[in-house]
PDB file of N, CA and C in Angstrom:
ATOM      1  N   MET A   1     -22.108  17.220  34.492  1.00  0.00           N
ATOM      2  CA  MET A   1     -21.163  17.151  33.475  1.00  0.00           C
ATOM      3  C   MET A   1     -20.300  16.209  33.880  1.00  0.00           C
ATOM      4  N   LYS A   2     -20.126  15.656  34.804  1.00  0.00           N
ATOM      5  CA  LYS A   2     -19.012  14.442  35.008  1.00  0.00           C
ATOM      6  C   LYS A   2     -19.253  13.578  33.953  1.00  0.00           C
ATOM      7  N   TYR A   3     -20.573  12.876  34.032  1.00  0.00           N
ATOM      8  CA  TYR A   3     -21.110  11.912  33.309  1.00  0.00           C
ATOM      9  C   TYR A   3     -20.885  12.356  31.628  1.00  0.00           C
ATOM     10  N   TYR A   4     -20.696  13.647  31.321  1.00  0.00           N
ATOM     11  CA  TYR A   4     -20.228  13.576  29.743  1.00  0.00           C
ATOM     12  C   TYR A   4     -18.935  13.420  29.597  1.00  0.00           C
ATOM     13  N   ILE A   5     -18.266  14.081  30.597  1.00  0.00           N
ATOM     14  CA  ILE A   5     -16.905  13.928  30.308  1.00  0.00           C
ATOM     15  C   ILE A   5     -16.592  12.281  30.321  1.00  0.00           C
ATOM     16  N   GLN A   6     -16.692  11.569  31.276  1.00  0.00           N
ATOM     17  CA  GLN A   6     -16.757  10.095  31.248  1.00  0.00           C
ATOM     18  C   GLN A   6     -16.996   9.533  30.123  1.00  0.00           C
ATOM     19  N   CYS A   7     -18.160   9.871  29.380  1.00  0.00           N
ATOM     20  CA  CYS A   7     -18.764   9.153  28.088  1.00  0.00           C
ATOM     21  C   CYS A   7     -17.648   9.682  27.167  1.00  0.00           C
ATOM     22  N   PHE A   8     -17.304  11.001  26.973  1.00  0.00           N
ATOM     23  CA  PHE A   8     -16.384  11.141  26.090  1.00  0.00           C
ATOM     24  C   PHE A   8     -14.792  10.710  26.104  1.00  0.00           C
ATOM     25  N   LEU A   9     -14.358  10.490  27.406  1.00  0.00           N
ATOM     26  CA  LEU A   9     -13.068   9.734  27.601  1.00  0.00           C
ATOM     27  C   LEU A   9     -13.398   8.016  27.159  1.00  0.00           C
ATOM     28  N   ILE A  10     -14.459   7.382  27.447  1.00  0.00           N
ATOM     29  CA  ILE A  10     -14.293   5.771  27.164  1.00  0.00           C
ATOM     30  C   ILE A  10     -14.604   6.195  25.284  1.00  0.00           C
ATOM     31  N   CYS A  11     -15.369   6.897  24.769  1.00  0.00           N
ATOM     32  CA  CYS A  11     -15.430   7.122  23.424  1.00  0.00           C
ATOM     33  C   CYS A  11     -13.919   7.367  22.929  1.00  0.00           C
ATOM     34  N   CYS A  12     -13.369   8.022  23.528  1.00  0.00           N
ATOM     35  CA  CYS A  12     -11.761   8.391  22.689  1.00  0.00           C
ATOM     36  C   CYS A  12     -10.944   6.762  23.185  1.00  0.00           C
ATOM     37  N   ILE A  13     -10.965   6.387  24.136  1.00  0.00           N
ATOM     38  CA  ILE A  13     -10.341   5.300  24.125  1.00  0.00           C
ATOM     39  C   ILE A  13     -10.899   3.967  23.350  1.00  0.00           C
ATOM     40  N   LEU A  14     -12.057   4.015  23.014  1.00  0.00           N
ATOM     41  CA  LEU A  14     -12.538   3.034  22.070  1.00  0.00           C
ATOM     42  C   LEU A  14     -12.208   3.431  20.633  1.00  0.00           C
ATOM     43  N   LEU A  15     -12.292   4.280  20.404  1.00  0.00           N
ATOM     44  CA  LEU A  15     -11.736   5.018  19.147  1.00  0.00           C
ATOM     45  C   LEU A  15     -10.178   4.680  19.008  1.00  0.00           C
ATOM     46  N   SER A  16      -9.004   5.277  19.842  1.00  0.00           N
ATOM     47  CA  SER A  16      -8.189   4.957  19.985  1.00  0.00           C
ATOM     48  C   SER A  16      -7.648   3.433  19.608  1.00  0.00           C
ATOM     49  N   THR A  17      -8.463   2.690  20.663  1.00  0.00           N
ATOM     50  CA  THR A  17      -8.078   1.254  20.477  1.00  0.00           C
ATOM     51  C   THR A  17      -8.258   0.540  18.986  1.00  0.00           C
ATOM     52  N   HIS A  18      -9.537   1.028  18.854  1.00  0.00           N
ATOM     53  CA  HIS A  18      -9.819   0.603  17.293  1.00  0.00           C
ATOM     54  C   HIS A  18      -9.091   1.168  16.186  1.00  0.00           C
ATOM     55  N   LEU A  19      -8.429   2.137  16.234  1.00  0.00           N
ATOM     56  CA  LEU A  19      -7.429   2.519  14.830  1.00  0.00           C
ATOM     57  C   LEU A  19      -6.404   1.788  15.058  1.00  0.00           C
ATOM     58  N   SER A  20      -5.837   1.520  16.511  1.00  0.00           N
ATOM     59  CA  SER A  20      -4.445   0.810  16.456  1.00  0.00           C
ATOM     60  C   SER A  20      -4.302  -0.576  16.528  1.00  0.00           C
ATOM     61  N   THR A  21      -5.500  -1.229  16.393  1.00  0.00           N
ATOM     62  CA  THR A  21      -5.993  -2.517  16.286  1.00  0.00           C
ATOM     63  C   THR A  21      -6.207  -2.683  14.948  1.00  0.00           C
ATOM     64  N   ALA A  22      -7.031  -2.108  14.025  1.00  0.00           N
ATOM     65  CA  ALA A  22      -7.331  -2.428  12.845  1.00  0.00           C
ATOM     66  C   ALA A  22      -6.295  -2.404  11.751  1.00  0.00           C
ATOM     67  N   GLN A  23      -6.410  -3.266  11.115  1.00  0.00           N
ATOM     68  CA  GLN A  23      -5.510  -3.837  10.436  1.00  0.00           C
ATOM     69  C   GLN A  23      -6.040  -4.058   8.729  1.00  0.00           C
ATOM     70  N   ASP A  24      -5.479  -3.082   7.800  1.00  0.00           N
ATOM     71  CA  ASP A  24      -6.090  -3.340   6.545  1.00  0.00           C
ATOM     72  C   ASP A  24      -5.584  -4.219   5.716  1.00  0.00           C
ATOM     73  N   ILE A  25      -5.993  -5.064   5.263  1.00  0.00           N
ATOM     74  CA  ILE A  25      -5.522  -5.960   4.675  1.00  0.00           C
ATOM     75  C   ILE A  25      -6.381  -6.321   3.344  1.00  0.00           C
ATOM     76  N   TRP A  26      -5.590  -6.397   2.540  1.00  0.00           N
ATOM     77  CA  TRP A  26      -6.443  -6.551   0.476  1.00  0.00           C
ATOM     78  C   TRP A  26      -6.029  -7.794  -0.337  1.00  0.00           C
ATOM     79  N   SER A  27      -6.648  -8.125  -0.975  1.00  0.00           N
ATOM     80  CA  SER A  27      -6.233  -9.176  -1.803  1.00  0.00           C
ATOM     81  C   SER A  27      -6.691  -9.125  -2.968  1.00  0.00           C
ATOM     82  N   GLY A  28      -5.827  -8.901  -3.961  1.00  0.00           N
ATOM     83  CA  GLY A  28      -5.961  -9.043  -5.798  1.00  0.00           C
ATOM     84  C   GLY A  28      -5.092  -9.039  -6.688  1.00  0.00           C
ATOM     85  N   LYS A  29      -5.113  -8.598  -7.704  1.00  0.00           N
ATOM     86  CA  LYS A  29      -3.987  -8.535  -8.538  1.00  0.00           C
ATOM     87  C   LYS A  29      -3.254  -7.293  -8.545  1.00  0.00           C
ATOM     88  N   ALA A  30      -1.775  -7.625  -8.928  1.00  0.00           N
ATOM     89  CA  ALA A  30      -0.842  -6.691  -8.816  1.00  0.00           C
ATOM     90  C   ALA A  30       0.068  -6.434 -10.259  1.00  0.00           C
ATOM     91  N   SER A  31       0.251  -5.516 -10.849  1.00  0.00           N
ATOM     92  CA  SER A  31       1.084  -5.299 -12.154  1.00  0.00           C
ATOM     93  C   SER A  31       2.390  -4.409 -11.497  1.00  0.00           C
ATOM     94  N   PHE A  32       3.074  -4.215 -12.499  1.00  0.00           N
ATOM     95  CA  PHE A  32       4.104  -3.756 -12.433  1.00  0.00           C
ATOM     96  C   PHE A  32       3.865  -2.207 -13.593  1.00  0.00           C
ATOM     97  N   TYR A  33       4.782  -1.137 -13.335  1.00  0.00           N
ATOM     98  CA  TYR A  33       5.130  -0.134 -14.098  1.00  0.00           C
ATOM     99  C   TYR A  33       6.182  -0.305 -15.054  1.00  0.00           C
ATOM    100  N   SER A  34       5.722  -0.194 -16.254  1.00  0.00           N
ATOM    101  CA  SER A  34       6.676  -0.114 -17.652  1.00  0.00           C
ATOM    102  C   SER A  34       7.913   0.547 -17.497  1.00  0.00           C
ATOM    103  N   ASP A  35       9.399   0.521 -18.026  1.00  0.00           N
ATOM    104  CA  ASP A  35      10.399   0.931 -18.072  1.00  0.00           C
ATOM    105  C   ASP A  35      10.389   2.253 -18.537  1.00  0.00           C
ATOM    106  N   SER A  36       9.192   2.541 -19.716  1.00  0.00           N
ATOM    107  CA  SER A  36       9.302   3.428 -20.273  1.00  0.00           C
ATOM    108  C   SER A  36       8.592   4.810 -19.304  1.00  0.00           C
ATOM    109  N   LEU A  37       8.329   4.735 -18.079  1.00  0.00           N
ATOM    110  CA  LEU A  37       7.678   5.283 -17.421  1.00  0.00           C
ATOM    111  C   LEU A  37       8.812   6.261 -16.404  1.00  0.00           C
ATOM    112  N   GLN A  38      10.211   5.445 -16.085  1.00  0.00           N
ATOM    113  CA  GLN A  38      11.542   5.808 -15.586  1.00  0.00           C
ATOM    114  C   GLN A  38      11.483   7.277 -15.557  1.00  0.00           C
ATOM    115  N   GLY A  39      11.785   7.912 -14.471  1.00  0.00           N
ATOM    116  CA  GLY A  39      11.729   9.319 -14.369  1.00  0.00           C
ATOM    117  C   GLY A  39      10.531  10.073 -14.681  1.00  0.00           C
ATOM    118  N   ASN A  40       9.602   9.793 -14.923  1.00  0.00           N
ATOM    119  CA  ASN A  40       8.168  10.387 -14.759  1.00  0.00           C
ATOM    120  C   ASN A  40       8.163  10.966 -13.612  1.00  0.00           C
ATOM    121  N   TYR A  41       7.036  11.983 -13.375  1.00  0.00           N
ATOM    122  CA  TYR A  41       6.282  12.362 -12.229  1.00  0.00           C
ATOM    123  C   TYR A  41       5.437  11.421 -11.768  1.00  0.00           C
ATOM    124  N   THR A  42       5.506  11.207 -10.239  1.00  0.00           N
ATOM    125  CA  THR A  42       4.489  10.331  -9.873  1.00  0.00           C
ATOM    126  C   THR A  42       3.257  11.318  -9.302  1.00  0.00           C
ATOM    127  N   ALA A  43       2.131  10.861  -9.046  1.00  0.00           N
ATOM    128  CA  ALA A  43       1.198  11.960  -8.240  1.00  0.00           C
ATOM    129  C   ALA A  43       1.456  12.696  -7.384  1.00  0.00           C
ATOM    130  N   SER A  44       2.334  11.925  -6.086  1.00  0.00           N
ATOM    131  CA  SER A  44       2.943  12.555  -5.280  1.00  0.00           C
ATOM    132  C   SER A  44       3.955  13.524  -5.448  1.00  0.00           C
ATOM    133  N   GLY A  45       4.598  13.915  -6.427  1.00  0.00           N
ATOM    134  CA  GLY A  45       5.652  14.706  -6.932  1.00  0.00           C
ATOM    135  C   GLY A  45       7.056  14.661  -7.132  1.00  0.00           C
ATOM    136  N   ALA A  46       7.315  12.998  -6.812  1.00  0.00           N
ATOM    137  CA  ALA A  46       8.385  12.074  -6.909  1.00  0.00           C
ATOM    138  C   ALA A  46       8.717  11.944  -8.149  1.00  0.00           C
ATOM    139  N   LEU A  47       9.625  11.320  -8.556  1.00  0.00           N
ATOM    140  CA  LEU A  47      10.126  10.942  -9.867  1.00  0.00           C
ATOM    141  C   LEU A  47       9.885   9.616  -9.944  1.00  0.00           C
ATOM    142  N   TYR A  48       9.664   8.889 -10.609  1.00  0.00           N
ATOM    143  CA  TYR A  48       9.552   7.445 -10.928  1.00  0.00           C
ATOM    144  C   TYR A  48      10.769   6.845 -10.939  1.00  0.00           C
ATOM    145  N   ASN A  49      11.294   5.968 -10.121  1.00  0.00           N
ATOM    146  CA  ASN A  49      12.545   5.238  -9.979  1.00  0.00           C
ATOM    147  C   ASN A  49      12.259   3.370 -10.067  1.00  0.00           C
ATOM    148  N   LYS A  50      12.249   3.219 -11.316  1.00  0.00           N
ATOM    149  CA  LYS A  50      12.008   1.605 -11.227  1.00  0.00           C
ATOM    150  C   LYS A  50      13.058   0.723 -10.399  1.00  0.00           C
ATOM    151  N   ASN A  51      14.411   1.478  -9.557  1.00  0.00           N
ATOM    152  CA  ASN A  51      15.069   0.799  -8.876  1.00  0.00           C
ATOM    153  C   ASN A  51      14.502   0.744  -7.057  1.00  0.00           C
ATOM    154  N   ALA A  52      13.638   1.829  -6.953  1.00  0.00           N
ATOM    155  CA  ALA A  52      13.263   2.071  -5.784  1.00  0.00           C
ATOM    156  C   ALA A  52      12.201   0.723  -5.319  1.00  0.00           C
ATOM    157  N   PHE A  53      11.684   0.836  -4.161  1.00  0.00           N
ATOM    158  CA  PHE A  53      10.590   0.225  -3.834  1.00  0.00           C
ATOM    159  C   PHE A  53       9.303   0.846  -3.496  1.00  0.00           C
ATOM    160  N   THR A  54       8.533   1.207  -4.383  1.00  0.00           N
ATOM    161  CA  THR A  54       7.796   2.053  -4.212  1.00  0.00           C
ATOM    162  C   THR A  54       6.395   1.076  -4.924  1.00  0.00           C
ATOM    163  N   ALA A  55       5.258   1.949  -4.956  1.00  0.00           N
ATOM    164  CA  ALA A  55       4.018   1.635  -5.684  1.00  0.00           C
ATOM    165  C   ALA A  55       2.995   2.737  -5.725  1.00  0.00           C
ATOM    166  N   ALA A  56       1.876   2.486  -6.366  1.00  0.00           N
ATOM    167  CA  ALA A  56       1.083   3.174  -6.711  1.00  0.00           C
ATOM    168  C   ALA A  56      -0.699   2.600  -5.909  1.00  0.00           C
ATOM    169  N   HIS A  57      -1.056   3.038  -5.402  1.00  0.00           N
ATOM    170  CA  HIS A  57      -2.617   2.872  -4.843  1.00  0.00           C
ATOM    171  C   HIS A  57      -3.556   4.261  -4.802  1.00  0.00           C
ATOM    172  N   LEU A  58      -4.990   3.584  -5.271  1.00  0.00           N
ATOM    173  CA  LEU A  58      -5.616   4.619  -5.752  1.00  0.00           C
ATOM    174  C   LEU A  58      -6.086   5.294  -3.943  1.00  0.00           C
ATOM    175  N   THR A  59      -6.197   4.701  -3.309  1.00  0.00           N
ATOM    176  CA  THR A  59      -6.762   5.117  -1.914  1.00  0.00           C
ATOM    177  C   THR A  59      -5.927   5.491  -0.725  1.00  0.00           C
ATOM    178  N   LEU A  60      -4.479   4.938  -0.651  1.00  0.00           N
ATOM    179  CA  LEU A  60      -3.939   5.087   0.861  1.00  0.00           C
ATOM    180  C   LEU A  60      -3.082   6.272   0.483  1.00  0.00           C
ATOM    181  N   PRO A  61      -3.087   6.824   1.654  1.00  0.00           N
ATOM    182  CA  PRO A  61      -2.148   8.111   1.563  1.00  0.00           C
ATOM    183  C   PRO A  61      -0.594   7.849   1.425  1.00  0.00           C
ATOM    184  N   PHE A  62      -0.225   8.776   0.770  1.00  0.00           N
ATOM    185  CA  PHE A  62       1.238   8.649   0.297  1.00  0.00           C
ATOM    186  C   PHE A  62       2.289   8.560   1.627  1.00  0.00           C
ATOM    187  N   ASN A  63       3.105   7.898   1.215  1.00  0.00           N
ATOM    188  CA  ASN A  63       3.986   7.836   1.993  1.00  0.00           C
ATOM    189  C   ASN A  63       3.598   6.409   3.015  1.00  0.00           C
ATOM    190  N   THR A  64       2.574   5.770   2.801  1.00  0.00           N
ATOM    191  CA  THR A  64       2.257   4.436   3.225  1.00  0.00           C
ATOM    192  C   THR A  64       3.112   3.091   3.386  1.00  0.00           C
ATOM    193  N   LYS A  65       3.367   2.575   4.357  1.00  0.00           N
ATOM    194  CA  LYS A  65       4.286   1.326   3.641  1.00  0.00           C
ATOM    195  C   LYS A  65       3.204   0.177   4.080  1.00  0.00           C
ATOM    196  N   VAL A  66       3.686  -0.709   3.068  1.00  0.00           N
ATOM    197  CA  VAL A  66       2.632  -1.608   2.554  1.00  0.00           C
ATOM    198  C   VAL A  66       3.673  -2.983   2.383  1.00  0.00           C
ATOM    199  N   ARG A  67       3.012  -4.044   3.000  1.00  0.00           N
ATOM    200  CA  ARG A  67       3.678  -5.308   2.703  1.00  0.00           C
ATOM    201  C   ARG A  67       2.898  -6.024   1.307  1.00  0.00           C
ATOM    202  N   VAL A  68       3.732  -6.166   0.658  1.00  0.00           N
ATOM    203  CA  VAL A  68       2.860  -6.953  -0.697  1.00  0.00           C
ATOM    204  C   VAL A  68       3.780  -8.637  -0.908  1.00  0.00           C
ATOM    205  N   THR A  69       2.422  -9.674  -0.712  1.00  0.00           N
ATOM    206  CA  THR A  69       2.977 -10.595  -0.962  1.00  0.00           C
ATOM    207  C   THR A  69       2.532 -11.221  -2.032  1.00  0.00           C
ATOM    208  N   ASN A  70       2.948 -12.176  -2.770  1.00  0.00           N
ATOM    209  CA  ASN A  70       2.626 -12.653  -4.005  1.00  0.00           C
ATOM    210  C   ASN A  70       2.310 -13.765  -3.440  1.00  0.00           C
ATOM    211  N   LEU A  71       0.500 -14.314  -3.585  1.00  0.00           N
ATOM    212  CA  LEU A  71       0.281 -15.453  -3.151  1.00  0.00           C
ATOM    213  C   LEU A  71       0.464 -16.843  -3.845  1.00  0.00           C
ATOM    214  N   SER A  72       1.111 -16.853  -5.347  1.00  0.00           N
ATOM    215  CA  SER A  72       2.105 -18.079  -5.324  1.00  0.00           C
ATOM    216  C   SER A  72       2.855 -18.491  -5.260  1.00  0.00           C
ATOM    217  N   ASN A  73       3.871 -17.756  -4.650  1.00  0.00           N
ATOM    218  CA  ASN A  73       5.233 -18.101  -4.271  1.00  0.00           C
ATOM    219  C   ASN A  73       5.491 -17.687  -2.987  1.00  0.00           C
ATOM    220  N   ASN A  74       4.745 -16.821  -1.805  1.00  0.00           N
ATOM    221  CA  ASN A  74       5.111 -16.371  -0.672  1.00  0.00           C
ATOM    222  C   ASN A  74       6.110 -15.327  -0.698  1.00  0.00           C
ATOM    223  N   LYS A  75       6.776 -14.791  -1.628  1.00  0.00           N
ATOM    224  CA  LYS A  75       7.670 -13.533  -1.477  1.00  0.00           C
ATOM    225  C   LYS A  75       6.792 -12.396  -0.897  1.00  0.00           C
ATOM    226  N   SER A  76       7.437 -11.920  -0.428  1.00  0.00           N
ATOM    227  CA  SER A  76       7.200 -10.405   0.148  1.00  0.00           C
ATOM    228  C   SER A  76       8.076  -9.293  -0.095  1.00  0.00           C
ATOM    229  N   VAL A  77       7.261  -7.973  -0.023  1.00  0.00           N
ATOM    230  CA  VAL A  77       8.469  -6.896  -0.356  1.00  0.00           C
ATOM    231  C   VAL A  77       7.256  -5.648   0.441  1.00  0.00           C
ATOM    232  N   VAL A  78       8.318  -4.856   0.970  1.00  0.00           N
ATOM    233  CA  VAL A  78       7.610  -3.673   1.792  1.00  0.00           C
ATOM    234  C   VAL A  78       7.860  -2.463   0.529  1.00  0.00           C
ATOM    235  N   VAL A  79       6.932  -1.744   0.637  1.00  0.00           N
ATOM    236  CA  VAL A  79       6.975  -0.635  -0.615  1.00  0.00           C
ATOM    237  C   VAL A  79       6.213   0.501   0.175  1.00  0.00           C
ATOM    238  N   ILE A  80       6.420   1.768  -0.782  1.00  0.00           N
ATOM    239  CA  ILE A  80       6.111   2.833   0.056  1.00  0.00           C
ATOM    240  C   ILE A  80       5.067   3.698  -1.028  1.00  0.00           C
ATOM    241  N   ILE A  81       3.792   4.043  -0.659  1.00  0.00           N
ATOM    242  CA  ILE A  81       3.175   4.473  -1.577  1.00  0.00           C
ATOM    243  C   ILE A  81       3.246   6.256  -2.114  1.00  0.00           C
ATOM    244  N   ASN A  82       3.874   6.067  -3.683  1.00  0.00           N
ATOM    245  CA  ASN A  82       4.037   7.356  -3.788  1.00  0.00           C
ATOM    246  C   ASN A  82       2.986   7.714  -5.162  1.00  0.00           C
ATOM    247  N   ASP A  83       2.322   6.631  -5.551  1.00  0.00           N
ATOM    248  CA  ASP A  83       1.747   7.357  -6.581  1.00  0.00           C
ATOM    249  C   ASP A  83       0.146   7.037  -6.702  1.00  0.00           C
ATOM    250  N   ARG A  84      -0.750   7.408  -7.574  1.00  0.00           N
ATOM    251  CA  ARG A  84      -1.690   6.780  -7.595  1.00  0.00           C
ATOM    252  C   ARG A  84      -2.290   5.689  -8.875  1.00  0.00           C
ATOM    253  N   GLY A  85      -3.043   4.760  -8.839  1.00  0.00           N
ATOM    254  CA  GLY A  85      -3.418   3.753  -9.540  1.00  0.00           C
ATOM    255  C   GLY A  85      -3.685   2.724  -9.140  1.00  0.00           C
ATOM    256  N   PRO A  86      -3.864   1.611  -9.690  1.00  0.00           N
ATOM    257  CA  PRO A  86      -3.662   1.263 -10.712  1.00  0.00           C
ATOM    258  C   PRO A  86      -5.315   1.356 -11.599  1.00  0.00           C
ATOM    259  N   TYR A  87      -5.097   2.108 -12.793  1.00  0.00           N
ATOM    260  CA  TYR A  87      -6.520   2.577 -13.106  1.00  0.00           C
ATOM    261  C   TYR A  87      -7.185   1.513 -14.036  1.00  0.00           C
ATOM    262  N   SER A  88      -6.850   0.403 -13.431  1.00  0.00           N
ATOM    263  CA  SER A  88      -7.715  -1.041 -14.168  1.00  0.00           C
ATOM    264  C   SER A  88      -8.378  -1.703 -13.028  1.00  0.00           C
ATOM    265  N   ASN A  89      -9.519  -1.817 -13.737  1.00  0.00           N
ATOM    266  CA  ASN A  89     -10.678  -2.376 -12.702  1.00  0.00           C
ATOM    267  C   ASN A  89     -10.314  -3.665 -11.813  1.00  0.00           C
ATOM    268  N   ASN A  90      -9.544  -4.643 -12.537  1.00  0.00           N
ATOM    269  CA  ASN A  90      -9.128  -5.855 -11.697  1.00  0.00           C
ATOM    270  C   ASN A  90      -7.788  -5.950 -10.936  1.00  0.00           C
ATOM    271  N   ARG A  91      -7.366  -4.677 -10.847  1.00  0.00           N
ATOM    272  CA  ARG A  91      -6.033  -4.702 -10.052  1.00  0.00           C
ATOM    273  C   ARG A  91      -6.015  -3.748  -9.063  1.00  0.00           C
ATOM    274  N   ILE A  92      -5.196  -3.918  -8.195  1.00  0.00           N
ATOM    275  CA  ILE A  92      -5.295  -3.125  -6.626  1.00  0.00           C
ATOM    276  C   ILE A  92      -3.711  -2.528  -6.382  1.00  0.00           C
ATOM    277  N   ILE A  93      -2.818  -2.511  -7.163  1.00  0.00           N
ATOM    278  CA  ILE A  93      -1.624  -1.903  -7.012  1.00  0.00           C
ATOM    279  C   ILE A  93      -0.664  -2.118  -7.898  1.00  0.00           C
ATOM    280  N   ASP A  94       0.207  -0.965  -8.559  1.00  0.00           N
ATOM    281  CA  ASP A  94       1.098  -1.146  -9.315  1.00  0.00           C
ATOM    282  C   ASP A  94       2.015  -1.257  -8.439  1.00  0.00           C
ATOM    283  N   LEU A  95       3.358  -2.107  -8.713  1.00  0.00           N
ATOM    284  CA  LEU A  95       4.508  -1.759  -8.156  1.00  0.00           C
ATOM    285  C   LEU A  95       6.309  -1.642  -9.206  1.00  0.00           C
ATOM    286  N   SER A  96       6.824  -0.508  -8.289  1.00  0.00           N
ATOM    287  CA  SER A  96       7.942  -0.383  -9.115  1.00  0.00           C
ATOM    288  C   SER A  96       8.300  -1.917  -9.521  1.00  0.00           C
ATOM    289  N   LYS A  97       9.500  -1.616 -10.706  1.00  0.00           N
ATOM    290  CA  LYS A  97      10.307  -2.821 -11.282  1.00  0.00           C
ATOM    291  C   LYS A  97      10.813  -3.443 -10.319  1.00  0.00           C
ATOM    292  N   ALA A  98      11.504  -3.021  -9.381  1.00  0.00           N
ATOM    293  CA  ALA A  98      12.577  -3.274  -8.283  1.00  0.00           C
ATOM    294  C   ALA A  98      11.745  -4.422  -7.331  1.00  0.00           C
ATOM    295  N   ALA A  99      10.664  -3.895  -6.780  1.00  0.00           N
ATOM    296  CA  ALA A  99       9.484  -4.381  -5.979  1.00  0.00           C
ATOM    297  C   ALA A  99       8.866  -5.475  -6.779  1.00  0.00           C
ATOM    298  N   ALA A 100       8.847  -5.385  -7.523  1.00  0.00           N
ATOM    299  CA  ALA A 100       7.974  -6.533  -8.633  1.00  0.00           C
ATOM    300  C   ALA A 100       8.659  -7.453  -8.877  1.00  0.00           C
ATOM    301  N   LYS A 101      10.167  -7.378  -9.058  1.00  0.00           N
ATOM    302  CA  LYS A 101      11.515  -8.781  -9.430  1.00  0.00           C
ATOM    303  C   LYS A 101      11.332  -9.115  -8.007  1.00  0.00           C
ATOM    304  N   GLU A 102      11.413  -8.700  -6.808  1.00  0.00           N
ATOM    305  CA  GLU A 102      11.773  -9.080  -5.564  1.00  0.00           C
ATOM    306  C   GLU A 102      10.769 -10.260  -5.166  1.00  0.00           C
ATOM    307  N   ILE A 103       9.312 -10.248  -5.738  1.00  0.00           N
ATOM    308  CA  ILE A 103       8.169 -10.999  -5.362  1.00  0.00           C
ATOM    309  C   ILE A 103       8.230 -11.777  -6.600  1.00  0.00           C
ATOM    310  N   GLY A 104       9.097 -11.829  -7.571  1.00  0.00           N
ATOM    311  CA  GLY A 104       8.924 -12.882  -8.566  1.00  0.00           C
ATOM    312  C   GLY A 104       7.542 -12.573  -9.684  1.00  0.00           C
ATOM    313  N   LEU A 105       7.350 -11.265  -9.834  1.00  0.00           N
ATOM    314  CA  LEU A 105       6.006 -10.762 -10.750  1.00  0.00           C
ATOM    315  C   LEU A 105       6.725 -10.448 -12.159  1.00  0.00           C
ATOM    316  N   ILE A 106       7.712 -10.460 -12.390  1.00  0.00           N
ATOM    317  CA  ILE A 106       8.338 -10.079 -13.766  1.00  0.00           C
ATOM    318  C   ILE A 106       8.036 -10.828 -15.242  1.00  0.00           C
ATOM    319  N   ASN A 107       8.196 -11.905 -14.805  1.00  0.00           N
ATOM    320  CA  ASN A 107       7.754 -13.148 -16.041  1.00  0.00           C
ATOM    321  C   ASN A 107       6.477 -13.198 -16.097  1.00  0.00           C
ATOM    322  N   ASP A 108       5.544 -13.336 -15.299  1.00  0.00           N
ATOM    323  CA  ASP A 108       4.135 -13.240 -15.320  1.00  0.00           C
ATOM    324  C   ASP A 108       3.418 -12.116 -16.073  1.00  0.00           C
ATOM    325  N   GLY A 109       3.717 -10.681 -15.087  1.00  0.00           N
ATOM    326  CA  GLY A 109       3.611  -9.515 -15.320  1.00  0.00           C
ATOM    327  C   GLY A 109       2.373  -9.198 -14.231  1.00  0.00           C
ATOM    328  N   VAL A 110       1.653 -10.094 -14.283  1.00  0.00           N
ATOM    329  CA  VAL A 110       0.460 -10.127 -13.287  1.00  0.00           C
ATOM    330  C   VAL A 110       0.371 -11.088 -11.874  1.00  0.00           C
ATOM    331  N   ALA A 111       0.123 -10.744 -10.649  1.00  0.00           N
ATOM    332  CA  ALA A 111       0.152 -12.176 -10.077  1.00  0.00           C
ATOM    333  C   ALA A 111      -1.079 -11.514  -8.685  1.00  0.00           C
ATOM    334  N   GLU A 112      -2.072 -12.727  -8.290  1.00  0.00           N
ATOM    335  CA  GLU A 112      -2.463 -12.187  -7.124  1.00  0.00           C
ATOM    336  C   GLU A 112      -1.484 -12.190  -5.860  1.00  0.00           C
ATOM    337  N   VAL A 113      -2.316 -11.002  -5.168  1.00  0.00           N
ATOM    338  CA  VAL A 113      -1.391 -10.661  -3.952  1.00  0.00           C
ATOM    339  C   VAL A 113      -2.109 -10.405  -2.790  1.00  0.00           C
ATOM    340  N   LYS A 114      -1.509 -10.329  -1.797  1.00  0.00           N
ATOM    341  CA  LYS A 114      -2.103  -9.576  -0.587  1.00  0.00           C
ATOM    342  C   LYS A 114      -1.431  -8.521  -0.284  1.00  0.00           C
ATOM    343  N   LEU A 115      -2.217  -7.426   0.028  1.00  0.00           N
ATOM    344  CA  LEU A 115      -1.536  -6.457   0.658  1.00  0.00           C
ATOM    345  C   LEU A 115      -1.824  -5.992   2.061  1.00  0.00           C
ATOM    346  N   GLU A 116      -0.718  -5.899   3.056  1.00  0.00           N
ATOM    347  CA  GLU A 116      -1.002  -5.486   4.482  1.00  0.00           C
ATOM    348  C   GLU A 116      -0.393  -4.133   4.689  1.00  0.00           C
ATOM    349  N   VAL A 117      -1.492  -2.981   5.115  1.00  0.00           N
ATOM    350  CA  VAL A 117      -0.754  -1.855   5.836  1.00  0.00           C
ATOM    351  C   VAL A 117      -0.309  -1.867   6.915  1.00  0.00           C
ATOM    352  N   LEU A 118       0.965  -1.323   6.611  1.00  0.00           N
ATOM    353  CA  LEU A 118       2.218  -1.499   7.647  1.00  0.00           C
ATOM    354  C   LEU A 118       2.272  -0.210   9.110  1.00  0.00           C
ATOM    355  N   ASP A 119       2.143   1.051   7.779  1.00  0.00           N
ATOM    356  CA  ASP A 119       2.480   2.004   8.620  1.00  0.00           C
ATOM    357  C   ASP A 119       1.735   3.286   7.477  1.00  0.00           C
ATOM    358  N   ASN A 120       0.860   4.133   8.539  1.00  0.00           N
ATOM    359  CA  ASN A 120       0.426   5.088   7.247  1.00  0.00           C
ATOM    360  C   ASN A 120      -0.043   6.019   8.955  1.00  0.00           C
ATOM    361  N   TYR A 121      -0.511   7.331   8.272  1.00  0.00           N
ATOM    362  CA  TYR A 121      -1.035   8.266   9.168  1.00  0.00           C
ATOM    363  C   TYR A 121      -1.967   7.853  10.226  1.00  0.00           C
ATOM    364  N   PHE A 122      -2.789   6.910   9.932  1.00  0.00           N
ATOM    365  CA  PHE A 122      -3.979   5.991  11.078  1.00  0.00           C
ATOM    366  C   PHE A 122      -3.267   5.271  11.847  1.00  0.00           C
ATOM    367  N   THR A 123      -2.029   4.562  11.876  1.00  0.00           N
ATOM    368  CA  THR A 123      -1.354   3.565  12.086  1.00  0.00           C
ATOM    369  C   THR A 123      -0.411   4.094  13.350  1.00  0.00           C
ATOM    370  N   ARG A 124      -0.411   4.941  13.117  1.00  0.00           N
ATOM    371  CA  ARG A 124       0.896   5.849  13.990  1.00  0.00           C
ATOM    372  C   ARG A 124       0.335   6.146  15.208  1.00  0.00           C
TER     373      ARG A 124
END
């Protein structure tokens, strides 16, 4: 019995170490919300606010903090995931207008970005 308890504890330690050191990083294209969506409900139930630093991602949990870096100019912004999307095959995140402006995305509309998960349920 002592052997099984030791094995269980070792597995718990290894799993917790893996979860705390695992860093989710992606790269791909980002776009931003149209002004016409201002005030619409997001998938999380919050109202879209073009002046807030929020974003849509297909799989990350709501309230996850993500650093988005524009790879063409190295500007970064931290956003909170509060919506689902983008529903375009070639994009990995949709940013609010304020977040897009912060990283210089407004003129081009689309940019290559790097996403780094800073905080979510699994990294706490």
